[in-house]
Amino acid sequence: MGFTIAIDGPAAAGKGTISKAVAAHFGFAHLDTGLLYRAVGAKVLNGAEPVAAARTLQAEDLNNASLRTADVAQAASRVAVIAEVREALVDFQRAFARRAGGAVLDGRDIGTVICPDATAKLFVTASAEVRAERRFLELEARAADVSREQVLADVKERDERDMNRSEAPLKPAADAIILDTSELTVDGAITQAIAEISRIVKP
């Protein structure tokens, strides 16, 4: 039997790090669905039309080193509000979720839209200020020319767009476990996430 774990949350809440650790703990495959939208966003920044970019996305497009930049993140958030883009990427995500060996998917609408019947659902969150500081330090380490104020503004702008879009808005599934990482260390957040999911998933 395959298990599907859906992990959602806003930018820089820690869901990516937690998802990778959860997948490793249970021996499941992992998909960062945000990379799909980042890859489409990157293509749009290079002149592609959003829907065409989504429909022609290839697995190798997810390995682009530029996908973690702030510009691509904003482009990803903009294309994610387009219904046709989301539809084009749904089948890929659902097929991954059905893997026989189990799967962990992280994103913004996994538990609500992509995999509403997931075995376990986790919603990872943190305050905008904490998330912006994490993102700033991450970008600073890459020598990006950004300020704390700009990163916080970007985080709030993205939250507003993600939470209020008409298609698949960012919100916890009704049966999701809420994990606030604002005051947690990385190890503490991972430990808590695995403990919560272990109560539900027993491979």
Protein backbone atom coordinates (compact mmCIF):
# COMPACT_ATOMS: atom_id res chain seq x y z
CA MET A 1 0.00 0.00 0.00
CA GLY A 2 1.25 3.46 -0.85
CA PHE A 3 1.12 6.29 1.66
CA THR A 4 0.79 9.92 0.62
CA ILE A 5 1.92 12.70 2.95
CA ALA A 6 0.81 16.22 2.03
CA ILE A 7 2.82 19.09 3.49
CA ASP A 8 1.64 22.63 2.78
CA GLY A 9 2.56 26.09 3.98
CA PRO A 10 3.72 29.57 3.00
CA ALA A 11 7.17 30.51 1.73
CA ALA A 12 10.13 29.99 4.11
CA ALA A 13 8.06 28.27 6.81
CA GLY A 14 10.36 25.26 6.62
CA LYS A 15 8.12 22.84 4.74
CA GLY A 16 10.80 21.93 2.21
CA THR A 17 13.37 20.99 4.83
CA ILE A 18 10.76 19.15 6.87
CA SER A 19 9.41 17.32 3.81
CA LYS A 20 12.83 16.03 2.79
CA ALA A 21 13.50 14.80 6.33
CA VAL A 22 10.06 13.15 6.59
CA ALA A 23 10.57 11.42 3.23
CA ALA A 24 13.99 10.16 4.32
CA HIS A 25 12.62 8.95 7.68
CA PHE A 26 9.82 6.90 6.10
CA GLY A 27 11.74 5.90 2.98
CA PHE A 28 9.27 7.70 0.70
CA ALA A 29 9.91 9.62 -2.51
CA HIS A 30 9.79 13.43 -2.23
CA LEU A 31 8.46 16.08 -4.61
CA ASP A 32 8.85 19.80 -4.03
CA THR A 33 5.86 20.90 -6.09
CA GLY A 34 6.95 24.52 -5.80
CA LEU A 35 9.77 23.66 -8.20
CA LEU A 36 7.17 22.94 -10.88
CA TYR A 37 5.85 26.49 -10.57
CA ARG A 38 9.35 27.93 -10.26
CA ALA A 39 10.35 26.14 -13.45
CA VAL A 40 7.33 27.59 -15.24
CA GLY A 41 8.10 31.02 -13.76
CA ALA A 42 11.70 30.79 -15.00
CA LYS A 43 10.48 29.98 -18.50
CA VAL A 44 8.12 32.97 -18.39
CA LEU A 45 10.97 35.26 -17.33
CA ASN A 46 12.77 34.02 -20.44
CA GLY A 47 9.84 35.00 -22.65
CA ALA A 48 7.61 31.93 -22.67
CA GLU A 49 3.82 32.08 -22.40
CA PRO A 50 2.75 30.69 -18.97
CA VAL A 51 0.27 28.00 -20.04
CA ALA A 52 2.50 26.76 -22.85
CA ALA A 53 5.44 26.65 -20.43
CA ALA A 54 3.43 24.52 -17.98
CA ARG A 55 2.17 22.13 -20.64
CA THR A 56 5.66 21.52 -22.06
CA LEU A 57 7.49 21.25 -18.72
CA GLN A 58 10.12 18.49 -18.63
CA ALA A 59 11.67 16.76 -15.61
CA GLU A 60 15.06 18.24 -16.47
CA ASP A 61 13.60 21.74 -16.14
CA LEU A 62 13.46 21.15 -12.36
CA ASN A 63 17.27 20.98 -12.19
CA ASN A 64 17.80 24.59 -13.25
CA ALA A 65 20.15 26.25 -10.72
CA SER A 66 18.34 29.59 -11.08
CA LEU A 67 15.06 28.27 -9.65
CA ARG A 68 15.94 29.39 -6.10
CA THR A 69 16.34 33.09 -6.91
CA ALA A 70 13.97 35.75 -5.59
CA ASP A 71 12.92 36.82 -9.10
CA VAL A 72 11.92 33.27 -10.02
CA ALA A 73 10.04 32.89 -6.72
CA GLN A 74 7.95 35.95 -7.51
CA ALA A 75 7.38 34.76 -11.08
CA ALA A 76 6.28 31.37 -9.73
CA SER A 77 3.73 33.02 -7.45
CA ARG A 78 2.37 35.05 -10.37
CA VAL A 79 1.94 32.08 -12.72
CA ALA A 80 0.43 29.98 -9.91
CA VAL A 81 -2.72 32.13 -9.93
CA ILE A 82 -3.44 31.09 -13.54
CA ALA A 83 -6.00 28.26 -13.55
CA GLU A 84 -4.73 26.72 -16.80
CA VAL A 85 -1.18 26.55 -15.41
CA ARG A 86 -2.36 24.75 -12.29
CA GLU A 87 -4.44 22.33 -14.33
CA ALA A 88 -1.47 21.48 -16.53
CA LEU A 89 0.61 20.51 -13.50
CA VAL A 90 -2.04 18.59 -11.52
CA ASP A 91 -1.67 15.25 -13.34
CA PHE A 92 2.09 15.17 -12.79
CA GLN A 93 1.66 15.74 -9.06
CA ARG A 94 -1.15 13.21 -8.61
CA ALA A 95 0.77 10.53 -10.50
CA PHE A 96 3.75 11.10 -8.22
CA ALA A 97 1.52 10.90 -5.14
CA ARG A 98 0.29 7.45 -6.17
CA ARG A 99 3.77 5.90 -6.15
CA ALA A 100 3.64 2.42 -4.64
CA GLY A 101 6.56 3.08 -2.33
CA GLY A 102 4.96 6.11 -0.68
CA ALA A 103 5.33 9.81 -1.44
CA VAL A 104 5.76 13.13 0.33
CA LEU A 105 4.62 16.19 -1.60
CA ASP A 106 5.10 19.71 -0.36
CA GLY A 107 3.50 22.82 -1.76
CA ARG A 108 0.56 25.13 -1.15
CA ASP A 109 -2.50 23.12 -2.17
CA ILE A 110 -1.46 19.48 -1.75
CA GLY A 111 -3.81 18.65 1.11
CA THR A 112 -6.70 20.74 -0.21
CA VAL A 113 -6.62 20.18 -3.99
CA ILE A 114 -3.95 17.80 -5.27
CA CYS A 115 -4.27 15.03 -2.67
CA PRO A 116 -7.37 15.69 -0.54
CA ASP A 117 -7.35 12.00 0.46
CA ALA A 118 -3.69 12.01 1.58
CA THR A 119 -2.88 9.64 4.43
CA ALA A 120 -1.48 12.49 6.53
CA LYS A 121 -1.60 16.26 6.09
CA LEU A 122 0.69 18.81 7.68
CA PHE A 123 0.44 22.60 7.41
CA VAL A 124 3.78 24.23 8.27
CA THR A 125 3.67 27.92 9.09
CA ALA A 126 5.55 30.72 10.87
CA SER A 127 5.17 34.47 11.28
CA ALA A 128 5.92 36.64 8.23
CA GLU A 129 8.78 38.30 10.13
CA VAL A 130 10.45 35.00 11.00
CA ARG A 131 10.03 33.68 7.49
CA ALA A 132 11.40 36.88 5.96
CA GLU A 133 14.48 36.72 8.18
CA ARG A 134 15.10 33.12 7.14
CA ARG A 135 14.74 34.01 3.48
CA PHE A 136 16.98 37.07 3.86
CA LEU A 137 19.77 35.02 5.44
CA GLU A 138 19.41 32.42 2.69
CA LEU A 139 19.65 35.05 -0.04
CA GLU A 140 22.47 36.89 1.74
CA ALA A 141 24.47 33.64 1.81
CA ARG A 142 24.15 33.56 -1.97
CA ALA A 143 25.46 37.14 -2.16
CA ALA A 144 22.10 38.43 -3.37
CA ASP A 145 21.68 42.22 -3.24
CA VAL A 146 18.59 42.42 -1.02
CA SER A 147 17.52 44.19 2.17
CA ARG A 148 15.56 42.80 5.09
CA GLU A 149 12.80 45.31 4.41
CA GLN A 150 12.49 44.25 0.76
CA VAL A 151 12.42 40.55 1.63
CA LEU A 152 9.70 41.11 4.24
CA ALA A 153 7.67 43.10 1.72
CA ASP A 154 8.11 40.31 -0.84
CA VAL A 155 7.01 37.65 1.68
CA LYS A 156 3.89 39.62 2.61
CA GLU A 157 3.08 40.31 -1.05
CA ARG A 158 3.43 36.62 -1.89
CA ASP A 159 1.30 35.60 1.09
CA GLU A 160 -1.42 38.00 -0.02
CA ARG A 161 -1.38 36.64 -3.56
CA ASP A 162 -1.22 32.97 -2.52
CA MET A 163 -3.93 33.21 0.12
CA ASN A 164 -6.39 35.23 -1.95
CA ARG A 165 -6.09 33.68 -5.40
CA SER A 166 -9.34 32.29 -6.78
CA GLU A 167 -7.79 28.94 -7.75
CA ALA A 168 -6.52 26.71 -4.92
CA PRO A 169 -5.73 29.43 -2.35
CA LEU A 170 -3.14 28.69 0.31
CA LYS A 171 -4.93 27.46 3.43
CA PRO A 172 -4.74 24.46 5.78
CA ALA A 173 -6.88 21.45 4.93
CA ALA A 174 -9.65 20.98 7.50
CA ASP A 175 -7.94 17.83 8.78
CA ALA A 176 -4.34 19.08 8.59
CA ILE A 177 -2.00 19.10 11.58
CA ILE A 178 -0.77 22.68 12.13
CA LEU A 179 2.95 23.05 12.87
CA ASP A 180 4.15 26.57 13.72
CA THR A 181 7.93 26.69 13.36
CA SER A 182 8.39 30.32 14.49
CA GLU A 183 10.03 29.32 17.77
CA LEU A 184 11.42 25.93 16.70
CA THR A 185 14.91 24.94 15.61
CA VAL A 186 15.23 22.99 12.36
CA ASP A 187 15.83 19.76 14.28
CA GLY A 188 12.94 20.51 16.64
CA ALA A 189 10.55 21.14 13.76
CA ILE A 190 11.60 17.92 12.01
CA THR A 191 11.25 15.88 15.19
CA GLN A 192 7.79 17.27 15.87
CA ALA A 193 6.66 16.70 12.29
CA ILE A 194 7.82 13.08 12.26
CA ALA A 195 6.17 12.46 15.63
CA GLU A 196 2.85 13.86 14.44
CA ILE A 197 2.89 11.94 11.15
CA SER A 198 4.02 8.72 12.86
CA ARG A 199 0.74 8.67 14.76
CA ILE A 200 -1.04 8.29 11.43
CA VAL A 201 1.41 6.61 9.05
CA LYS A 202 2.57 3.15 10.09
CA PRO A 203 4.36 1.60 7.08
